[in-house]
Amino acid sequence: MPEFERTAGKPRPILRGQDRHQREKDRVRLSESQRRGVTAPELVFHAEYDTEPASESLAAAFRVPTGAKLLKRTYRTGARADETPLSLVRSYLRYEQVAVNPALLDAGNEPWPGGTQHQLGTLGIEIDRVTDRITARAPSAEEISDLELAAGVPVFELRKTSIDIRDRVVEVADMILPADRTEFFYTTRLCRWQA
C-alpha cells in the first residue's frame, strides 16, 4: 500500500517497492468484497479511457504491427488530504485481447477492485513477471502543470511491462512520478551458495 504524509508543508515521498506486484497478484483470487476492502482511502483516483494506434515503441514492446489498436488508460492519482498530485500513468493493453470482456473497456468501472492484474485475470491471463525501467529527466511543461511541480524538480519516468506465463507482453504502463514525492525501495533476494 502506498504511503503518504504531509510534513511541514512538504509531502513525504510515496514508497514504491517491487513487492507491490506480488500483492496485486495475490488479490486476483480474492472475492470482490475482499478486493474492495484493500483500498487506499488517502488517495484520489481519476481514470480516462481511449484507443490509440501503437507507436513504434509500443508495437515493438507488444510484438504487434505499428498502428495496431491499443486501449489507452490514463490515470491520475493524488493525495486526498491536500489534493497533491502524485502520479500520471498511461497504461496500454492490446484492444483485441481485452475487448472480450466489455467491462474492461469502461473507465466507469475504475478504480477496479484488484487492479490491472485482476482485470487481466478475468481473461484467464496470469502475470509471470513485471519489469520496471526507471529513468530521471526534466519534466515537460504539461507535467509541471499536471503534477504542480516546483521549479527545478525532475520527474522519474517508470516503464512497467507485464509479461504473462505464455511470455506475452500484456500491459505496458508509463508512469510519471515527481522526484520530490517518490522514493524507490527494492530488496533483491539472492540464491545461497550450495556448501
C-alpha atoms as a PDB file:
ATOM      1  CA  MET A   1       0.000   0.000   0.000  1.00  0.00           C
ATOM      2  CA  PRO A   2       1.447   3.421  -0.865  1.00  0.00           C
ATOM      3  CA  GLU A   3       2.401   5.716   1.988  1.00  0.00           C
ATOM      4  CA  PHE A   4       1.746   9.438   2.028  1.00  0.00           C
ATOM      5  CA  GLU A   5       2.131  12.056   4.720  1.00  0.00           C
ATOM      6  CA  ARG A   6       2.489  15.807   4.570  1.00  0.00           C
ATOM      7  CA  THR A   7       5.119  17.146   6.933  1.00  0.00           C
ATOM      8  CA  ALA A   8       5.622  20.870   7.474  1.00  0.00           C
ATOM      9  CA  GLY A   9       4.114  21.726   4.095  1.00  0.00           C
ATOM     10  CA  LYS A  10       6.276  19.229   2.211  1.00  0.00           C
ATOM     11  CA  PRO A  11       4.943  15.848   1.073  1.00  0.00           C
ATOM     12  CA  ARG A  12       6.702  12.757   2.347  1.00  0.00           C
ATOM     13  CA  PRO A  13       7.537  10.543  -0.622  1.00  0.00           C
ATOM     14  CA  ILE A  14       5.388   7.644  -1.748  1.00  0.00           C
ATOM     15  CA  LEU A  15       7.351   4.454  -1.163  1.00  0.00           C
ATOM     16  CA  ARG A  16       7.358   2.169  -4.230  1.00  0.00           C
ATOM     17  CA  GLY A  17       8.854  -1.292  -3.897  1.00  0.00           C
ATOM     18  CA  GLN A  18       8.829  -4.379  -6.063  1.00  0.00           C
ATOM     19  CA  ASP A  19       6.624  -6.310  -3.628  1.00  0.00           C
ATOM     20  CA  ARG A  20       3.581  -4.308  -4.812  1.00  0.00           C
ATOM     21  CA  HIS A  21       3.388  -6.526  -7.920  1.00  0.00           C
ATOM     22  CA  GLN A  22       3.094  -9.708  -5.828  1.00  0.00           C
ATOM     23  CA  ARG A  23       0.488  -8.080  -3.556  1.00  0.00           C
ATOM     24  CA  GLU A  24      -1.578  -7.202  -6.628  1.00  0.00           C
ATOM     25  CA  LYS A  25      -1.240 -10.764  -7.975  1.00  0.00           C
ATOM     26  CA  ASP A  26      -2.299 -12.203  -4.615  1.00  0.00           C
ATOM     27  CA  ARG A  27      -5.513 -10.135  -4.771  1.00  0.00           C
ATOM     28  CA  VAL A  28      -6.541 -11.664  -8.119  1.00  0.00           C
ATOM     29  CA  ARG A  29      -8.047 -14.741  -6.450  1.00  0.00           C
ATOM     30  CA  LEU A  30      -9.839 -12.875  -3.660  1.00  0.00           C
ATOM     31  CA  SER A  31     -13.589 -12.300  -3.727  1.00  0.00           C
ATOM     32  CA  GLU A  32     -14.813  -8.912  -4.947  1.00  0.00           C
ATOM     33  CA  SER A  33     -15.696  -7.811  -1.403  1.00  0.00           C
ATOM     34  CA  GLN A  34     -12.197  -8.760  -0.214  1.00  0.00           C
ATOM     35  CA  ARG A  35     -10.603  -6.905  -3.148  1.00  0.00           C
ATOM     36  CA  ARG A  36     -12.762  -3.841  -2.430  1.00  0.00           C
ATOM     37  CA  GLY A  37     -11.545  -3.969   1.176  1.00  0.00           C
ATOM     38  CA  VAL A  38      -7.956  -3.412   0.031  1.00  0.00           C
ATOM     39  CA  THR A  39      -8.164   0.274  -0.795  1.00  0.00           C
ATOM     40  CA  ALA A  40      -6.101   3.379  -0.238  1.00  0.00           C
ATOM     41  CA  PRO A  41      -8.668   5.851   1.152  1.00  0.00           C
ATOM     42  CA  GLU A  42      -5.991   8.549   1.438  1.00  0.00           C
ATOM     43  CA  LEU A  43      -5.719   8.644  -2.370  1.00  0.00           C
ATOM     44  CA  VAL A  44      -7.939  10.194  -5.054  1.00  0.00           C
ATOM     45  CA  PHE A  45      -8.031   8.345  -8.371  1.00  0.00           C
ATOM     46  CA  HIS A  46      -9.217   9.536 -11.802  1.00  0.00           C
ATOM     47  CA  ALA A  47      -9.296   7.418 -14.976  1.00  0.00           C
ATOM     48  CA  GLU A  48      -9.890   8.157 -18.670  1.00  0.00           C
ATOM     49  CA  TYR A  49     -10.031   5.523 -21.417  1.00  0.00           C
ATOM     50  CA  ASP A  50      -9.408   5.931 -25.137  1.00  0.00           C
ATOM     51  CA  THR A  51      -7.968   3.968 -28.044  1.00  0.00           C
ATOM     52  CA  GLU A  52      -4.666   4.737 -29.694  1.00  0.00           C
ATOM     53  CA  PRO A  53      -2.657   3.214 -32.557  1.00  0.00           C
ATOM     54  CA  ALA A  54       0.548   1.561 -31.357  1.00  0.00           C
ATOM     55  CA  SER A  55       3.627   3.740 -31.770  1.00  0.00           C
ATOM     56  CA  GLU A  56       6.825   2.051 -32.952  1.00  0.00           C
ATOM     57  CA  SER A  57       7.973   1.729 -29.338  1.00  0.00           C
ATOM     58  CA  LEU A  58       4.707   0.189 -28.105  1.00  0.00           C
ATOM     59  CA  ALA A  59       4.384  -2.027 -31.179  1.00  0.00           C
ATOM     60  CA  ALA A  60       7.865  -3.404 -30.505  1.00  0.00           C
ATOM     61  CA  ALA A  61       7.030  -3.990 -26.828  1.00  0.00           C
ATOM     62  CA  PHE A  62       3.760  -5.822 -27.608  1.00  0.00           C
ATOM     63  CA  ARG A  63       5.197  -7.519 -30.716  1.00  0.00           C
ATOM     64  CA  VAL A  64       2.334  -6.200 -32.870  1.00  0.00           C
ATOM     65  CA  PRO A  65       2.382  -4.127 -36.072  1.00  0.00           C
ATOM     66  CA  THR A  66       2.833  -0.363 -35.752  1.00  0.00           C
ATOM     67  CA  GLY A  67      -0.644   1.158 -35.699  1.00  0.00           C
ATOM     68  CA  ALA A  68      -2.309  -1.851 -34.020  1.00  0.00           C
ATOM     69  CA  LYS A  69      -5.263  -0.747 -31.875  1.00  0.00           C
ATOM     70  CA  LEU A  70      -4.442  -0.330 -28.178  1.00  0.00           C
ATOM     71  CA  LEU A  71      -6.640   0.552 -25.221  1.00  0.00           C
ATOM     72  CA  LYS A  72      -5.033   3.613 -23.608  1.00  0.00           C
ATOM     73  CA  ARG A  73      -5.909   4.194 -19.957  1.00  0.00           C
ATOM     74  CA  THR A  74      -4.810   7.453 -18.363  1.00  0.00           C
ATOM     75  CA  TYR A  75      -4.746   7.564 -14.568  1.00  0.00           C
ATOM     76  CA  ARG A  76      -4.126  10.496 -12.252  1.00  0.00           C
ATOM     77  CA  THR A  77      -3.571   9.825  -8.562  1.00  0.00           C
ATOM     78  CA  GLY A  78      -3.412  12.403  -5.801  1.00  0.00           C
ATOM     79  CA  ALA A  79      -3.451  12.735  -2.024  1.00  0.00           C
ATOM     80  CA  ARG A  80      -6.998  13.251  -0.755  1.00  0.00           C
ATOM     81  CA  ALA A  81      -5.932  15.377   2.244  1.00  0.00           C
ATOM     82  CA  ASP A  82      -4.469  18.232   0.235  1.00  0.00           C
ATOM     83  CA  GLU A  83      -5.041  17.246  -3.400  1.00  0.00           C
ATOM     84  CA  THR A  84      -1.299  16.894  -4.036  1.00  0.00           C
ATOM     85  CA  PRO A  85      -0.789  15.189  -7.433  1.00  0.00           C
ATOM     86  CA  LEU A  86       1.317  12.052  -7.012  1.00  0.00           C
ATOM     87  CA  SER A  87       1.485  10.386 -10.414  1.00  0.00           C
ATOM     88  CA  LEU A  88       0.408  10.346 -14.027  1.00  0.00           C
ATOM     89  CA  VAL A  89       0.079   6.933 -15.676  1.00  0.00           C
ATOM     90  CA  ARG A  90      -0.613   5.895 -19.248  1.00  0.00           C
ATOM     91  CA  SER A  91      -1.371   2.182 -19.379  1.00  0.00           C
ATOM     92  CA  TYR A  92      -1.695   0.317 -22.671  1.00  0.00           C
ATOM     93  CA  LEU A  93      -3.398  -3.017 -23.345  1.00  0.00           C
ATOM     94  CA  ARG A  94      -3.950  -4.825 -26.635  1.00  0.00           C
ATOM     95  CA  TYR A  95      -7.514  -3.818 -27.564  1.00  0.00           C
ATOM     96  CA  GLU A  96      -8.430  -7.086 -29.268  1.00  0.00           C
ATOM     97  CA  GLN A  97      -7.319  -9.017 -26.183  1.00  0.00           C
ATOM     98  CA  VAL A  98      -9.318  -7.029 -23.610  1.00  0.00           C
ATOM     99  CA  ALA A  99     -12.406  -6.344 -25.756  1.00  0.00           C
ATOM    100  CA  VAL A 100     -13.508  -9.918 -24.988  1.00  0.00           C
ATOM    101  CA  ASN A 101     -14.659  -8.529 -21.612  1.00  0.00           C
ATOM    102  CA  PRO A 102     -16.574  -5.265 -22.350  1.00  0.00           C
ATOM    103  CA  ALA A 103     -16.333  -4.242 -18.668  1.00  0.00           C
ATOM    104  CA  LEU A 104     -12.602  -3.708 -19.255  1.00  0.00           C
ATOM    105  CA  LEU A 105     -13.343  -1.012 -21.856  1.00  0.00           C
ATOM    106  CA  ASP A 106     -15.347   1.191 -19.464  1.00  0.00           C
ATOM    107  CA  ALA A 107     -13.497   3.808 -17.374  1.00  0.00           C
ATOM    108  CA  GLY A 108     -16.618   3.981 -15.189  1.00  0.00           C
ATOM    109  CA  ASN A 109     -15.522   0.671 -13.641  1.00  0.00           C
ATOM    110  CA  GLU A 110     -12.413   2.305 -12.169  1.00  0.00           C
ATOM    111  CA  PRO A 111     -10.908   2.017  -9.687  1.00  0.00           C
ATOM    112  CA  TRP A 112     -11.213  -1.698 -10.461  1.00  0.00           C
ATOM    113  CA  PRO A 113     -11.044  -3.800  -7.284  1.00  0.00           C
ATOM    114  CA  GLY A 114      -7.830  -5.779  -7.570  1.00  0.00           C
ATOM    115  CA  GLY A 115      -6.283  -3.575 -10.255  1.00  0.00           C
ATOM    116  CA  THR A 116      -4.935  -4.482 -13.669  1.00  0.00           C
ATOM    117  CA  GLN A 117      -3.831  -7.987 -12.719  1.00  0.00           C
ATOM    118  CA  HIS A 118      -7.395  -8.850 -11.735  1.00  0.00           C
ATOM    119  CA  GLN A 119      -8.732  -7.243 -14.915  1.00  0.00           C
ATOM    120  CA  LEU A 120      -6.398  -9.459 -16.947  1.00  0.00           C
ATOM    121  CA  GLY A 121      -7.302 -12.410 -14.723  1.00  0.00           C
ATOM    122  CA  THR A 122     -10.913 -12.120 -15.922  1.00  0.00           C
ATOM    123  CA  LEU A 123      -9.498 -13.057 -19.342  1.00  0.00           C
ATOM    124  CA  GLY A 124      -7.559 -16.055 -17.995  1.00  0.00           C
ATOM    125  CA  ILE A 125      -4.254 -14.156 -18.113  1.00  0.00           C
ATOM    126  CA  GLU A 126      -1.789 -14.794 -15.294  1.00  0.00           C
ATOM    127  CA  ILE A 127       1.200 -12.456 -14.892  1.00  0.00           C
ATOM    128  CA  ASP A 128       4.552 -14.226 -14.668  1.00  0.00           C
ATOM    129  CA  ARG A 129       6.824 -11.224 -14.207  1.00  0.00           C
ATOM    130  CA  VAL A 130       6.921  -7.446 -14.252  1.00  0.00           C
ATOM    131  CA  THR A 131       9.847  -5.303 -15.314  1.00  0.00           C
ATOM    132  CA  ASP A 132      10.287  -1.713 -14.162  1.00  0.00           C
ATOM    133  CA  ARG A 133      12.702   0.544 -16.076  1.00  0.00           C
ATOM    134  CA  ILE A 134      13.276   3.869 -14.321  1.00  0.00           C
ATOM    135  CA  THR A 135      14.911   6.980 -15.721  1.00  0.00           C
ATOM    136  CA  ALA A 136      15.092  10.551 -14.429  1.00  0.00           C
ATOM    137  CA  ARG A 137      14.570  13.597 -16.612  1.00  0.00           C
ATOM    138  CA  ALA A 138      13.329  17.153 -16.717  1.00  0.00           C
ATOM    139  CA  PRO A 139       9.520  17.367 -16.851  1.00  0.00           C
ATOM    140  CA  SER A 140       7.557  18.652 -19.819  1.00  0.00           C
ATOM    141  CA  ALA A 141       5.519  21.853 -19.436  1.00  0.00           C
ATOM    142  CA  GLU A 142       2.344  19.740 -19.239  1.00  0.00           C
ATOM    143  CA  GLU A 143       3.832  17.543 -16.486  1.00  0.00           C
ATOM    144  CA  ILE A 144       4.908  20.625 -14.490  1.00  0.00           C
ATOM    145  CA  SER A 145       1.314  21.839 -14.612  1.00  0.00           C
ATOM    146  CA  ASP A 146      -0.405  18.471 -14.014  1.00  0.00           C
ATOM    147  CA  LEU A 147       1.885  17.479 -11.135  1.00  0.00           C
ATOM    148  CA  GLU A 148       2.162  21.019  -9.691  1.00  0.00           C
ATOM    149  CA  LEU A 149       5.951  20.794  -9.667  1.00  0.00           C
ATOM    150  CA  ALA A 150       8.154  23.458  -8.115  1.00  0.00           C
ATOM    151  CA  ALA A 151      10.867  24.941 -10.326  1.00  0.00           C
ATOM    152  CA  GLY A 152      13.763  22.570 -10.882  1.00  0.00           C
ATOM    153  CA  VAL A 153      12.034  19.396  -9.643  1.00  0.00           C
ATOM    154  CA  PRO A 154      12.767  16.491 -12.009  1.00  0.00           C
ATOM    155  CA  VAL A 155      10.499  13.523 -12.648  1.00  0.00           C
ATOM    156  CA  PHE A 156      11.052   9.789 -12.722  1.00  0.00           C
ATOM    157  CA  GLU A 157       9.708   8.031 -15.790  1.00  0.00           C
ATOM    158  CA  LEU A 158       8.944   4.409 -14.971  1.00  0.00           C
ATOM    159  CA  ARG A 159       8.008   1.963 -17.729  1.00  0.00           C
ATOM    160  CA  LYS A 160       6.300  -1.090 -16.268  1.00  0.00           C
ATOM    161  CA  THR A 161       5.991  -4.089 -18.578  1.00  0.00           C
ATOM    162  CA  SER A 162       3.801  -7.024 -17.501  1.00  0.00           C
ATOM    163  CA  ILE A 163       4.542 -10.398 -19.109  1.00  0.00           C
ATOM    164  CA  ASP A 164       2.208 -13.371 -18.762  1.00  0.00           C
ATOM    165  CA  ILE A 165       3.031 -17.048 -18.202  1.00  0.00           C
ATOM    166  CA  ARG A 166       2.944 -17.583 -22.004  1.00  0.00           C
ATOM    167  CA  ASP A 167       5.747 -14.989 -22.377  1.00  0.00           C
ATOM    168  CA  ARG A 168       3.442 -12.364 -23.950  1.00  0.00           C
ATOM    169  CA  VAL A 169       3.610  -8.680 -23.057  1.00  0.00           C
ATOM    170  CA  VAL A 170       0.084  -7.957 -21.824  1.00  0.00           C
ATOM    171  CA  GLU A 171       0.462  -4.433 -20.415  1.00  0.00           C
ATOM    172  CA  VAL A 172       2.863  -1.540 -20.854  1.00  0.00           C
ATOM    173  CA  ALA A 173       2.429   1.371 -18.444  1.00  0.00           C
ATOM    174  CA  ASP A 174       4.376   4.627 -18.499  1.00  0.00           C
ATOM    175  CA  MET A 175       4.322   6.369 -15.116  1.00  0.00           C
ATOM    176  CA  ILE A 176       5.494   9.914 -14.425  1.00  0.00           C
ATOM    177  CA  LEU A 177       6.399  10.413 -10.767  1.00  0.00           C
ATOM    178  CA  PRO A 178       7.607  13.666  -9.141  1.00  0.00           C
ATOM    179  CA  ALA A 179      11.100  13.184  -7.718  1.00  0.00           C
ATOM    180  CA  ASP A 180      10.221  15.181  -4.600  1.00  0.00           C
ATOM    181  CA  ARG A 181       7.310  12.822  -3.798  1.00  0.00           C
ATOM    182  CA  THR A 182       8.649   9.403  -4.775  1.00  0.00           C
ATOM    183  CA  GLU A 183      11.048   7.015  -3.089  1.00  0.00           C
ATOM    184  CA  PHE A 184      12.014   3.652  -4.600  1.00  0.00           C
ATOM    185  CA  PHE A 185      12.888   0.752  -2.314  1.00  0.00           C
ATOM    186  CA  TYR A 186      13.929  -2.630  -3.707  1.00  0.00           C
ATOM    187  CA  THR A 187      15.194  -5.746  -1.973  1.00  0.00           C
ATOM    188  CA  THR A 188      16.764  -8.382  -4.204  1.00  0.00           C
ATOM    189  CA  ARG A 189      16.854 -11.884  -2.761  1.00  0.00           C
ATOM    190  CA  LEU A 190      19.904 -13.849  -3.863  1.00  0.00           C
ATOM    191  CA  CYS A 191      20.190 -17.638  -4.062  1.00  0.00           C
ATOM    192  CA  ARG A 192      22.533 -19.105  -1.463  1.00  0.00           C
ATOM    193  CA  TRP A 193      25.681 -20.909  -2.440  1.00  0.00           C
ATOM    194  CA  GLN A 194      25.497 -24.635  -2.028  1.00  0.00           C
ATOM    195  CA  ALA A 195      28.012 -25.957   0.535  1.00  0.00           C
END
